[in-house]
PDB file of N, CA and C in Angstrom:
ATOM      1  N   MET A   1      59.471  97.676  93.186  1.00  0.00           N
ATOM      2  CA  MET A   1      59.795  98.969  92.630  1.00  0.00           C
ATOM      3  C   MET A   1      60.029  98.787  91.134  1.00  0.00           C
ATOM      4  N   ASP A   2      59.255  99.492  90.342  1.00  0.00           N
ATOM      5  CA  ASP A   2      59.324  99.363  88.887  1.00  0.00           C
ATOM      6  C   ASP A   2      60.154 100.513  88.318  1.00  0.00           C
ATOM      7  N   LEU A   3      61.300 100.185  87.724  1.00  0.00           N
ATOM      8  CA  LEU A   3      62.192 101.200  87.156  1.00  0.00           C
ATOM      9  C   LEU A   3      62.105 101.260  85.642  1.00  0.00           C
ATOM     10  N   SER A   4      61.093 100.623  85.069  1.00  0.00           N
ATOM     11  CA  SER A   4      60.995 100.589  83.615  1.00  0.00           C
ATOM     12  C   SER A   4      60.616 101.950  83.036  1.00  0.00           C
ATOM     13  N   GLY A   5      60.012 102.819  83.811  1.00  0.00           N
ATOM     14  CA  GLY A   5      59.595 104.122  83.317  1.00  0.00           C
ATOM     15  C   GLY A   5      60.632 105.216  83.523  1.00  0.00           C
ATOM     16  N   VAL A   6      61.799 104.879  84.060  1.00  0.00           N
ATOM     17  CA  VAL A   6      62.834 105.881  84.336  1.00  0.00           C
ATOM     18  C   VAL A   6      63.570 106.227  83.049  1.00  0.00           C
ATOM     19  N   ASP A   7      63.753 107.505  82.802  1.00  0.00           N
ATOM     20  CA  ASP A   7      64.482 107.977  81.621  1.00  0.00           C
ATOM     21  C   ASP A   7      65.974 108.008  81.950  1.00  0.00           C
ATOM     22  N   TRP A   8      66.671 106.916  81.673  1.00  0.00           N
ATOM     23  CA  TRP A   8      68.084 106.792  82.028  1.00  0.00           C
ATOM     24  C   TRP A   8      68.959 107.751  81.228  1.00  0.00           C
ATOM     25  N   ASP A   9      68.579 108.039  79.983  1.00  0.00           N
ATOM     26  CA  ASP A   9      69.383 108.961  79.170  1.00  0.00           C
ATOM     27  C   ASP A   9      69.341 110.384  79.729  1.00  0.00           C
ATOM     28  N   GLY A  10      68.240 110.782  80.299  1.00  0.00           N
ATOM     29  CA  GLY A  10      68.132 112.110  80.892  1.00  0.00           C
ATOM     30  C   GLY A  10      68.754 112.184  82.273  1.00  0.00           C
ATOM     31  N   LEU A  11      68.915 111.029  82.914  1.00  0.00           N
ATOM     32  CA  LEU A  11      69.466 110.982  84.263  1.00  0.00           C
ATOM     33  C   LEU A  11      70.999 111.033  84.270  1.00  0.00           C
ATOM     34  N   LEU A  12      71.617 110.549  83.208  1.00  0.00           N
ATOM     35  CA  LEU A  12      73.077 110.479  83.148  1.00  0.00           C
ATOM     36  C   LEU A  12      73.758 111.846  83.290  1.00  0.00           C
ATOM     37  N   PRO A  13      73.324 112.894  82.584  1.00  0.00           N
ATOM     38  CA  PRO A  13      73.980 114.201  82.770  1.00  0.00           C
ATOM     39  C   PRO A  13      73.842 114.738  84.193  1.00  0.00           C
ATOM     40  N   ILE A  14      72.713 114.484  84.821  1.00  0.00           N
ATOM     41  CA  ILE A  14      72.509 114.958  86.191  1.00  0.00           C
ATOM     42  C   ILE A  14      73.474 114.260  87.141  1.00  0.00           C
ATOM     43  N   VAL A  15      73.616 112.945  86.983  1.00  0.00           N
ATOM     44  CA  VAL A  15      74.539 112.185  87.825  1.00  0.00           C
ATOM     45  C   VAL A  15      75.977 112.642  87.583  1.00  0.00           C
ATOM     46  N   ALA A  16      76.327 112.919  86.330  1.00  0.00           N
ATOM     47  CA  ALA A  16      77.684 113.377  86.009  1.00  0.00           C
ATOM     48  C   ALA A  16      77.967 114.740  86.640  1.00  0.00           C
ATOM     49  N   ILE A  17      77.002 115.638  86.592  1.00  0.00           N
ATOM     50  CA  ILE A  17      77.187 116.971  87.175  1.00  0.00           C
ATOM     51  C   ILE A  17      77.324 116.880  88.689  1.00  0.00           C
ATOM     52  N   ILE A  18      76.461 116.101  89.324  1.00  0.00           N
ATOM     53  CA  ILE A  18      76.532 115.946  90.779  1.00  0.00           C
ATOM     54  C   ILE A  18      77.855 115.297  91.182  1.00  0.00           C
ATOM     55  N   GLY A  19      78.291 114.291  90.436  1.00  0.00           N
ATOM     56  CA  GLY A  19      79.576 113.645  90.726  1.00  0.00           C
ATOM     57  C   GLY A  19      80.738 114.615  90.583  1.00  0.00           C
ATOM     58  N   GLY A  20      80.713 115.433  89.538  1.00  0.00           N
ATOM     59  CA  GLY A  20      81.768 116.427  89.339  1.00  0.00           C
ATOM     60  C   GLY A  20      81.807 117.457  90.449  1.00  0.00           C
ATOM     61  N   LEU A  21      80.632 117.896  90.888  1.00  0.00           N
ATOM     62  CA  LEU A  21      80.577 118.862  91.987  1.00  0.00           C
ATOM     63  C   LEU A  21      81.095 118.260  93.286  1.00  0.00           C
ATOM     64  N   CYS A  22      80.792 116.991  93.523  1.00  0.00           N
ATOM     65  CA  CYS A  22      81.298 116.320  94.730  1.00  0.00           C
ATOM     66  C   CYS A  22      82.817 116.215  94.701  1.00  0.00           C
ATOM     67  N   ILE A  23      83.372 115.881  93.550  1.00  0.00           N
ATOM     68  CA  ILE A  23      84.829 115.778  93.422  1.00  0.00           C
ATOM     69  C   ILE A  23      85.474 117.154  93.611  1.00  0.00           C
ATOM     70  N   ALA A  24      84.870 118.198  93.041  1.00  0.00           N
ATOM     71  CA  ALA A  24      85.407 119.552  93.202  1.00  0.00           C
ATOM     72  C   ALA A  24      85.364 119.983  94.665  1.00  0.00           C
ATOM     73  N   ALA A  25      84.265 119.692  95.349  1.00  0.00           N
ATOM     74  CA  ALA A  25      84.150 120.056  96.763  1.00  0.00           C
ATOM     75  C   ALA A  25      85.193 119.321  97.595  1.00  0.00           C
ATOM     76  N   LEU A  26      85.406 118.056  97.299  1.00  0.00           N
ATOM     77  CA  LEU A  26      86.416 117.277  98.011  1.00  0.00           C
ATOM     78  C   LEU A  26      87.812 117.857  97.788  1.00  0.00           C
ATOM     79  N   ALA A  27      88.102 118.265  96.559  1.00  0.00           N
ATOM     80  CA  ALA A  27      89.409 118.856  96.264  1.00  0.00           C
ATOM     81  C   ALA A  27      89.605 120.169  97.019  1.00  0.00           C
ATOM     82  N   ILE A  28      88.569 120.984  97.098  1.00  0.00           N
ATOM     83  CA  ILE A  28      88.667 122.264  97.805  1.00  0.00           C
ATOM     84  C   ILE A  28      88.888 122.042  99.295  1.00  0.00           C
ATOM     85  N   VAL A  29      88.123 121.135  99.886  1.00  0.00           N
ATOM     86  CA  VAL A  29      88.254 120.868 101.322  1.00  0.00           C
ATOM     87  C   VAL A  29      89.630 120.299 101.643  1.00  0.00           C
ATOM     88  N   SER A  30      90.111 119.361 100.818  1.00  0.00           N
ATOM     89  CA  SER A  30      91.425 118.778 101.097  1.00  0.00           C
ATOM     90  C   SER A  30      92.533 119.812 100.925  1.00  0.00           C
ATOM     91  N   SER A  31      92.386 120.727  99.987  1.00  0.00           N
ATOM     92  CA  SER A  31      93.372 121.790  99.805  1.00  0.00           C
ATOM     93  C   SER A  31      93.401 122.722 101.015  1.00  0.00           C
ATOM     94  N   MET A  32      92.228 123.043 101.543  1.00  0.00           N
ATOM     95  CA  MET A  32      92.162 123.897 102.729  1.00  0.00           C
ATOM     96  C   MET A  32      92.782 123.207 103.938  1.00  0.00           C
ATOM     97  N   MET A  33      92.539 121.918 104.083  1.00  0.00           N
ATOM     98  CA  MET A  33      93.117 121.175 105.207  1.00  0.00           C
ATOM     99  C   MET A  33      94.634 121.109 105.086  1.00  0.00           C
ATOM    100  N   ARG A  34      95.130 120.933 103.873  1.00  0.00           N
ATOM    101  CA  ARG A  34      96.579 120.882 103.648  1.00  0.00           C
ATOM    102  C   ARG A  34      97.225 122.222 103.989  1.00  0.00           C
ATOM    103  N   ALA A  35      96.603 123.315 103.576  1.00  0.00           N
ATOM    104  CA  ALA A  35      97.142 124.646 103.871  1.00  0.00           C
ATOM    105  C   ALA A  35      97.144 124.918 105.374  1.00  0.00           C
ATOM    106  N   ALA A  36      96.091 124.520 106.057  1.00  0.00           N
ATOM    107  CA  ALA A  36      96.023 124.726 107.507  1.00  0.00           C
ATOM    108  C   ALA A  36      97.094 123.913 108.217  1.00  0.00           C
ATOM    109  N   SER A  37      97.305 122.696 107.768  1.00  0.00           N
ATOM    110  CA  SER A  37      98.329 121.841 108.367  1.00  0.00           C
ATOM    111  C   SER A  37      99.723 122.418 108.140  1.00  0.00           C
ATOM    112  N   LYS A  38      99.962 122.919 106.944  1.00  0.00           N
ATOM    113  CA  LYS A  38     101.264 123.505 106.618  1.00  0.00           C
ATOM    114  C   LYS A  38     101.537 124.729 107.494  1.00  0.00           C
ATOM    115  N   THR A  39     100.536 125.578 107.669  1.00  0.00           N
ATOM    116  CA  THR A  39     100.682 126.761 108.513  1.00  0.00           C
ATOM    117  C   THR A  39     100.947 126.373 109.956  1.00  0.00           C
ATOM    118  N   ARG A  40     100.210 125.381 110.456  1.00  0.00           N
ATOM    119  CA  ARG A  40     100.375 124.927 111.838  1.00  0.00           C
ATOM    120  C   ARG A  40     101.789 124.384 112.060  1.00  0.00           C
ATOM    121  N   GLU A  41     102.302 123.599 111.132  1.00  0.00           N
ATOM    122  CA  GLU A  41     103.649 123.042 111.270  1.00  0.00           C
ATOM    123  C   GLU A  41     104.720 124.121 111.180  1.00  0.00           C
ATOM    124  N   MET A  42     104.511 125.128 110.333  1.00  0.00           N
ATOM    125  CA  MET A  42     105.481 126.218 110.220  1.00  0.00           C
ATOM    126  C   MET A  42     105.548 127.008 111.522  1.00  0.00           C
ATOM    127  N   GLU A  43     104.408 127.259 112.137  1.00  0.00           N
ATOM    128  CA  GLU A  43     104.390 127.978 113.412  1.00  0.00           C
ATOM    129  C   GLU A  43     105.041 127.149 114.517  1.00  0.00           C
ATOM    130  N   LYS A  44     104.836 125.853 114.489  1.00  0.00           N
ATOM    131  CA  LYS A  44     105.480 124.967 115.469  1.00  0.00           C
ATOM    132  C   LYS A  44     106.999 125.035 115.311  1.00  0.00           C
ATOM    133  N   THR A  45     107.466 125.030 114.072  1.00  0.00           N
ATOM    134  CA  THR A  45     108.900 125.123 113.809  1.00  0.00           C
ATOM    135  C   THR A  45     109.452 126.458 114.298  1.00  0.00           C
ATOM    136  N   ARG A  46     108.724 127.537 114.051  1.00  0.00           N
ATOM    137  CA  ARG A  46     109.171 128.861 114.513  1.00  0.00           C
ATOM    138  C   ARG A  46     109.310 128.897 116.032  1.00  0.00           C
ATOM    139  N   ARG A  47     108.353 128.301 116.734  1.00  0.00           N
ATOM    140  CA  ARG A  47     108.424 128.279 118.205  1.00  0.00           C
ATOM    141  C   ARG A  47     109.619 127.461 118.682  1.00  0.00           C
ATOM    142  N   GLU A  48     109.876 126.328 118.029  1.00  0.00           N
ATOM    143  CA  GLU A  48     111.011 125.492 118.433  1.00  0.00           C
ATOM    144  C   GLU A  48     112.332 126.211 118.194  1.00  0.00           C
ATOM    145  N   VAL A  49     112.468 126.868 117.050  1.00  0.00           N
ATOM    146  CA  VAL A  49     113.699 127.604 116.751  1.00  0.00           C
ATOM    147  C   VAL A  49     113.864 128.763 117.733  1.00  0.00           C
ATOM    148  N   ALA A  50     112.775 129.436 118.069  1.00  0.00           N
ATOM    149  CA  ALA A  50     112.848 130.525 119.050  1.00  0.00           C
ATOM    150  C   ALA A  50     113.306 130.005 120.408  1.00  0.00           C
ATOM    151  N   ALA A  51     112.880 128.811 120.769  1.00  0.00           N
ATOM    152  CA  ALA A  51     113.315 128.223 122.043  1.00  0.00           C
ATOM    153  C   ALA A  51     114.813 127.932 122.015  1.00  0.00           C
ATOM    154  N   TYR A  52     115.317 127.444 120.882  1.00  0.00           N
ATOM    155  CA  TYR A  52     116.757 127.187 120.772  1.00  0.00           C
ATOM    156  C   TYR A  52     117.550 128.485 120.890  1.00  0.00           C
ATOM    157  N   VAL A  53     117.042 129.559 120.286  1.00  0.00           N
ATOM    158  CA  VAL A  53     117.716 130.856 120.387  1.00  0.00           C
ATOM    159  C   VAL A  53     117.682 131.342 121.831  1.00  0.00           C
ATOM    160  N   ALA A  54     116.554 131.185 122.495  1.00  0.00           N
ATOM    161  CA  ALA A  54     116.412 131.653 123.875  1.00  0.00           C
ATOM    162  C   ALA A  54     117.353 130.927 124.827  1.00  0.00           C
ATOM    163  N   GLU A  55     117.583 129.650 124.589  1.00  0.00           N
ATOM    164  CA  GLU A  55     118.488 128.912 125.480  1.00  0.00           C
ATOM    165  C   GLU A  55     119.946 129.052 125.069  1.00  0.00           C
ATOM    166  N   GLY A  56     120.207 129.698 123.921  1.00  0.00           N
ATOM    167  CA  GLY A  56     121.570 129.960 123.492  1.00  0.00           C
ATOM    168  C   GLY A  56     122.202 128.856 122.671  1.00  0.00           C
ATOM    169  N   SER A  57     121.429 127.868 122.251  1.00  0.00           N
ATOM    170  CA  SER A  57     121.976 126.768 121.448  1.00  0.00           C
ATOM    171  C   SER A  57     122.380 127.222 120.054  1.00  0.00           C
ATOM    172  N   ILE A  58     121.622 128.177 119.495  1.00  0.00           N
ATOM    173  CA  ILE A  58     121.957 128.717 118.177  1.00  0.00           C
ATOM    174  C   ILE A  58     121.849 130.235 118.238  1.00  0.00           C
ATOM    175  N   THR A  59     122.516 130.890 117.309  1.00  0.00           N
ATOM    176  CA  THR A  59     122.470 132.351 117.253  1.00  0.00           C
ATOM    177  C   THR A  59     121.221 132.796 116.488  1.00  0.00           C
ATOM    178  N   PRO A  60     120.811 134.040 116.687  1.00  0.00           N
ATOM    179  CA  PRO A  60     119.659 134.540 115.927  1.00  0.00           C
ATOM    180  C   PRO A  60     119.882 134.505 114.412  1.00  0.00           C
ATOM    181  N   GLU A  61     121.121 134.709 113.978  1.00  0.00           N
ATOM    182  CA  GLU A  61     121.420 134.667 112.546  1.00  0.00           C
ATOM    183  C   GLU A  61     121.223 133.256 111.996  1.00  0.00           C
ATOM    184  N   GLU A  62     121.656 132.250 112.765  1.00  0.00           N
ATOM    185  CA  GLU A  62     121.449 130.861 112.339  1.00  0.00           C
ATOM    186  C   GLU A  62     119.959 130.524 112.300  1.00  0.00           C
ATOM    187  N   ALA A  63     119.220 131.042 113.271  1.00  0.00           N
ATOM    188  CA  ALA A  63     117.774 130.800 113.308  1.00  0.00           C
ATOM    189  C   ALA A  63     117.094 131.421 112.091  1.00  0.00           C
ATOM    190  N   GLU A  64     117.501 132.630 111.750  1.00  0.00           N
ATOM    191  CA  GLU A  64     116.924 133.289 110.577  1.00  0.00           C
ATOM    192  C   GLU A  64     117.229 132.494 109.313  1.00  0.00           C
ATOM    193  N   ARG A  65     118.457 132.015 109.201  1.00  0.00           N
ATOM    194  CA  ARG A  65     118.842 131.222 108.037  1.00  0.00           C
ATOM    195  C   ARG A  65     118.033 129.928 107.963  1.00  0.00           C
ATOM    196  N   LEU A  66     117.815 129.285 109.110  1.00  0.00           N
ATOM    197  CA  LEU A  66     117.016 128.054 109.139  1.00  0.00           C
ATOM    198  C   LEU A  66     115.573 128.307 108.712  1.00  0.00           C
ATOM    199  N   LEU A  67     114.987 129.381 109.224  1.00  0.00           N
ATOM    200  CA  LEU A  67     113.592 129.663 108.907  1.00  0.00           C
ATOM    201  C   LEU A  67     113.398 130.097 107.460  1.00  0.00           C
ATOM    202  N   ASN A  68     114.399 130.716 106.868  1.00  0.00           N
ATOM    203  CA  ASN A  68     114.296 131.156 105.477  1.00  0.00           C
ATOM    204  C   ASN A  68     114.750 130.096 104.486  1.00  0.00           C
ATOM    205  N   ALA A  69     115.250 128.970 104.965  1.00  0.00           N
ATOM    206  CA  ALA A  69     115.800 127.945 104.077  1.00  0.00           C
ATOM    207  C   ALA A  69     114.753 127.350 103.156  1.00  0.00           C
ATOM    208  N   GLY A  70     113.529 127.180 103.611  1.00  0.00           N
ATOM    209  CA  GLY A  70     112.506 126.548 102.783  1.00  0.00           C
ATOM    210  C   GLY A  70     111.668 127.510 101.980  1.00  0.00           C
ATOM    211  N   LEU A  71     111.929 128.796 102.095  1.00  0.00           N
ATOM    212  CA  LEU A  71     111.117 129.794 101.406  1.00  0.00           C
ATOM    213  C   LEU A  71     111.717 130.138 100.061  1.00  0.00           C
ATOM    214  N   SER A  72     110.851 130.341  99.067  1.00  0.00           N
ATOM    215  CA  SER A  72     111.309 130.811  97.763  1.00  0.00           C
ATOM    216  C   SER A  72     110.573 132.103  97.447  1.00  0.00           C
ATOM    217  N   SER A  73     111.228 133.005  96.766  1.00  0.00           N
ATOM    218  CA  SER A  73     110.628 134.310  96.495  1.00  0.00           C
ATOM    219  C   SER A  73     109.706 134.288  95.288  1.00  0.00           C
ATOM    220  N   GLY A  74     109.807 133.279  94.435  1.00  0.00           N
ATOM    221  CA  GLY A  74     109.014 133.243  93.212  1.00  0.00           C
ATOM    222  C   GLY A  74     107.669 132.590  93.341  1.00  0.00           C
ATOM    223  N   GLY A  75     107.359 132.006  94.484  1.00  0.00           N
ATOM    224  CA  GLY A  75     106.076 131.363  94.656  1.00  0.00           C
ATOM    225  C   GLY A  75     106.043 129.937  94.139  1.00  0.00           C
ATOM    226  N   SER A  76     107.170 129.447  93.668  1.00  0.00           N
ATOM    227  CA  SER A  76     107.248 128.089  93.160  1.00  0.00           C
ATOM    228  C   SER A  76     108.507 127.443  93.711  1.00  0.00           C
ATOM    229  N   CYS A  77     108.479 126.157  93.873  1.00  0.00           N
ATOM    230  CA  CYS A  77     109.648 125.463  94.404  1.00  0.00           C
ATOM    231  C   CYS A  77     110.809 125.487  93.418  1.00  0.00           C
ATOM    232  N   CYS A  78     110.523 125.730  92.169  1.00  0.00           N
ATOM    233  CA  CYS A  78     111.550 125.640  91.131  1.00  0.00           C
ATOM    234  C   CYS A  78     111.924 127.000  90.555  1.00  0.00           C
ATOM    235  N   SER A  79     111.492 128.085  91.176  1.00  0.00           N
ATOM    236  CA  SER A  79     111.783 129.403  90.625  1.00  0.00           C
ATOM    237  C   SER A  79     113.251 129.745  90.831  1.00  0.00           C
ATOM    238  N   LYS A  80     113.788 130.487  89.875  1.00  0.00           N
ATOM    239  CA  LYS A  80     115.191 130.893  89.951  1.00  0.00           C
ATOM    240  C   LYS A  80     115.276 132.267  90.577  1.00  0.00           C
ATOM    241  N   GLN A  81     116.217 132.409  91.490  1.00  0.00           N
ATOM    242  CA  GLN A  81     116.413 133.700  92.133  1.00  0.00           C
ATOM    243  C   GLN A  81     117.449 134.493  91.360  1.00  0.00           C
ATOM    244  N   ALA A  82     117.208 135.792  91.202  1.00  0.00           N
ATOM    245  CA  ALA A  82     118.131 136.640  90.439  1.00  0.00           C
ATOM    246  C   ALA A  82     119.291 137.075  91.280  1.00  0.00           C
TER     247      ALA A  82
END
């Protein structure tokens, strides 16, 4: 295989663009998987807390406080509440 006729200078931008698109696609897919996992775990927690309320181990008010403990109203973990 003779590679002496290949224009390497013209090939570099194409390889860079394809590499960038692959990295972007990987970031999007991993972000979607993370969001799905987070939602699945939150629903699992809600079911477990509901079971504790149903058996009388905790009150509904305590369950509400537990479920709202990790939520922030500002959309950021560091937002200040008024």
